[in-house]
Amino acid sequence: MLRGKAVIELDNEKIDFRHKNKLIYWNDVEKITYGELLDAVVFKLNNGKKVRIYLNCVKGDNAEIYQTILSYYKQATDKIT
């Protein structure tokens, strides 16, 4: 929580990382990985860019957070394809 609001919000269209004002739409994502050394979820976008979301400001188990993100991504991309 950051100022009483969730730091990450997931839905069927996107992930909203409010801490750094990053909004990523699932249909723009090519691949998602977890960088254990960086403690970050890395989004490789269709345009070749990479966006990192650092989990040090997110309360919870990092592996569980990563799996939840992957679950939302899979659900969204299954609907797109």
C-alpha atoms as a PDB file:
ATOM      1  CA  MET A   1       0.000   0.000   0.000  1.00  0.00           C
ATOM      2  CA  LEU A   2       1.187   3.458  -0.858  1.00  0.00           C
ATOM      3  CA  ARG A   3      -0.720   6.294   0.760  1.00  0.00           C
ATOM      4  CA  GLY A   4      -3.629   3.953   1.384  1.00  0.00           C
ATOM      5  CA  LYS A   5      -3.797   2.666  -2.217  1.00  0.00           C
ATOM      6  CA  ALA A   6      -2.578  -0.553  -3.789  1.00  0.00           C
ATOM      7  CA  VAL A   7       0.860  -0.234  -5.392  1.00  0.00           C
ATOM      8  CA  ILE A   8       0.000  -2.741  -8.141  1.00  0.00           C
ATOM      9  CA  GLU A   9      -3.423  -3.179  -9.668  1.00  0.00           C
ATOM     10  CA  LEU A  10      -4.133  -5.979 -12.126  1.00  0.00           C
ATOM     11  CA  ASP A  11      -7.122  -6.459 -14.378  1.00  0.00           C
ATOM     12  CA  ASN A  12      -7.965  -8.272 -17.618  1.00  0.00           C
ATOM     13  CA  GLU A  13      -6.461  -5.505 -19.779  1.00  0.00           C
ATOM     14  CA  LYS A  14      -3.400  -4.216 -17.932  1.00  0.00           C
ATOM     15  CA  ILE A  15      -1.113  -3.922 -14.947  1.00  0.00           C
ATOM     16  CA  ASP A  16      -0.953  -0.547 -13.248  1.00  0.00           C
ATOM     17  CA  PHE A  17       2.193   0.017 -11.163  1.00  0.00           C
ATOM     18  CA  ARG A  18       1.202   3.193  -9.375  1.00  0.00           C
ATOM     19  CA  HIS A  19       4.466   3.648  -7.487  1.00  0.00           C
ATOM     20  CA  LYS A  20       6.251   4.623 -10.728  1.00  0.00           C
ATOM     21  CA  ASN A  21       3.217   5.552 -12.849  1.00  0.00           C
ATOM     22  CA  LYS A  22       3.736   2.619 -15.224  1.00  0.00           C
ATOM     23  CA  LEU A  23       0.776   1.255 -17.113  1.00  0.00           C
ATOM     24  CA  ILE A  24       1.357  -1.860 -19.224  1.00  0.00           C
ATOM     25  CA  TYR A  25      -1.335  -3.385 -21.405  1.00  0.00           C
ATOM     26  CA  TRP A  26      -1.206  -7.178 -21.680  1.00  0.00           C
ATOM     27  CA  ASN A  27      -1.566  -7.099 -25.471  1.00  0.00           C
ATOM     28  CA  ASP A  28       1.665  -5.037 -25.632  1.00  0.00           C
ATOM     29  CA  VAL A  29       3.650  -7.726 -23.759  1.00  0.00           C
ATOM     30  CA  GLU A  30       5.702 -10.352 -25.566  1.00  0.00           C
ATOM     31  CA  LYS A  31       7.230 -12.049 -22.511  1.00  0.00           C
ATOM     32  CA  ILE A  32       7.374 -11.739 -18.703  1.00  0.00           C
ATOM     33  CA  THR A  33      10.319 -12.889 -16.592  1.00  0.00           C
ATOM     34  CA  TYR A  34      11.427 -12.536 -12.996  1.00  0.00           C
ATOM     35  CA  GLY A  35      14.901 -11.230 -12.220  1.00  0.00           C
ATOM     36  CA  GLU A  36      15.738 -12.629  -8.814  1.00  0.00           C
ATOM     37  CA  LEU A  37      18.951 -10.626  -8.461  1.00  0.00           C
ATOM     38  CA  LEU A  38      17.147  -7.393  -9.307  1.00  0.00           C
ATOM     39  CA  ASP A  39      14.020  -8.376  -7.380  1.00  0.00           C
ATOM     40  CA  ALA A  40      12.035  -7.251 -10.410  1.00  0.00           C
ATOM     41  CA  VAL A  41       9.424  -8.467 -12.843  1.00  0.00           C
ATOM     42  CA  VAL A  42      10.630  -7.725 -16.362  1.00  0.00           C
ATOM     43  CA  PHE A  43       8.183  -7.126 -19.206  1.00  0.00           C
ATOM     44  CA  LYS A  44       9.541  -7.469 -22.730  1.00  0.00           C
ATOM     45  CA  LEU A  45       7.210  -5.465 -24.930  1.00  0.00           C
ATOM     46  CA  ASN A  46       6.278  -6.111 -28.560  1.00  0.00           C
ATOM     47  CA  ASN A  47       8.288  -3.031 -29.596  1.00  0.00           C
ATOM     48  CA  GLY A  48      11.477  -4.545 -28.108  1.00  0.00           C
ATOM     49  CA  LYS A  49      11.590  -2.332 -25.009  1.00  0.00           C
ATOM     50  CA  LYS A  50      11.868  -3.765 -21.505  1.00  0.00           C
ATOM     51  CA  VAL A  51      10.016  -2.419 -18.489  1.00  0.00           C
ATOM     52  CA  ARG A  52      11.010  -3.462 -14.978  1.00  0.00           C
ATOM     53  CA  ILE A  53       8.775  -3.380 -11.955  1.00  0.00           C
ATOM     54  CA  TYR A  54      10.821  -3.630  -8.771  1.00  0.00           C
ATOM     55  CA  LEU A  55       9.068  -5.563  -6.054  1.00  0.00           C
ATOM     56  CA  ASN A  56      10.956  -4.096  -3.089  1.00  0.00           C
ATOM     57  CA  CYS A  57       8.059  -1.704  -2.474  1.00  0.00           C
ATOM     58  CA  VAL A  58       5.364  -4.369  -2.811  1.00  0.00           C
ATOM     59  CA  LYS A  59       4.295  -6.227   0.310  1.00  0.00           C
ATOM     60  CA  GLY A  60       4.097  -9.976  -0.112  1.00  0.00           C
ATOM     61  CA  ASP A  61       5.977 -12.989  -1.381  1.00  0.00           C
ATOM     62  CA  ASN A  62       7.758 -12.068  -4.622  1.00  0.00           C
ATOM     63  CA  ALA A  63       7.308 -15.502  -6.192  1.00  0.00           C
ATOM     64  CA  GLU A  64       3.582 -15.363  -5.453  1.00  0.00           C
ATOM     65  CA  ILE A  65       3.307 -11.840  -6.890  1.00  0.00           C
ATOM     66  CA  TYR A  66       5.124 -12.971 -10.045  1.00  0.00           C
ATOM     67  CA  GLN A  67       2.826 -16.000 -10.422  1.00  0.00           C
ATOM     68  CA  THR A  68      -0.240 -13.773  -9.992  1.00  0.00           C
ATOM     69  CA  ILE A  69       1.034 -11.419 -12.701  1.00  0.00           C
ATOM     70  CA  LEU A  70       1.656 -14.405 -15.016  1.00  0.00           C
ATOM     71  CA  SER A  71      -1.854 -15.674 -14.322  1.00  0.00           C
ATOM     72  CA  TYR A  72      -3.453 -12.366 -15.333  1.00  0.00           C
ATOM     73  CA  TYR A  73      -1.234 -12.202 -18.431  1.00  0.00           C
ATOM     74  CA  LYS A  74      -2.152 -15.741 -19.470  1.00  0.00           C
ATOM     75  CA  GLN A  75      -5.871 -15.121 -18.972  1.00  0.00           C
ATOM     76  CA  ALA A  76      -5.719 -11.899 -20.990  1.00  0.00           C
ATOM     77  CA  THR A  77      -3.634 -13.300 -23.836  1.00  0.00           C
ATOM     78  CA  ASP A  78      -5.780 -16.426 -24.080  1.00  0.00           C
ATOM     79  CA  LYS A  79      -8.726 -14.121 -24.739  1.00  0.00           C
ATOM     80  CA  ILE A  80      -6.757 -12.072 -27.294  1.00  0.00           C
ATOM     81  CA  THR A  81      -5.547 -15.044 -29.349  1.00  0.00           C
END
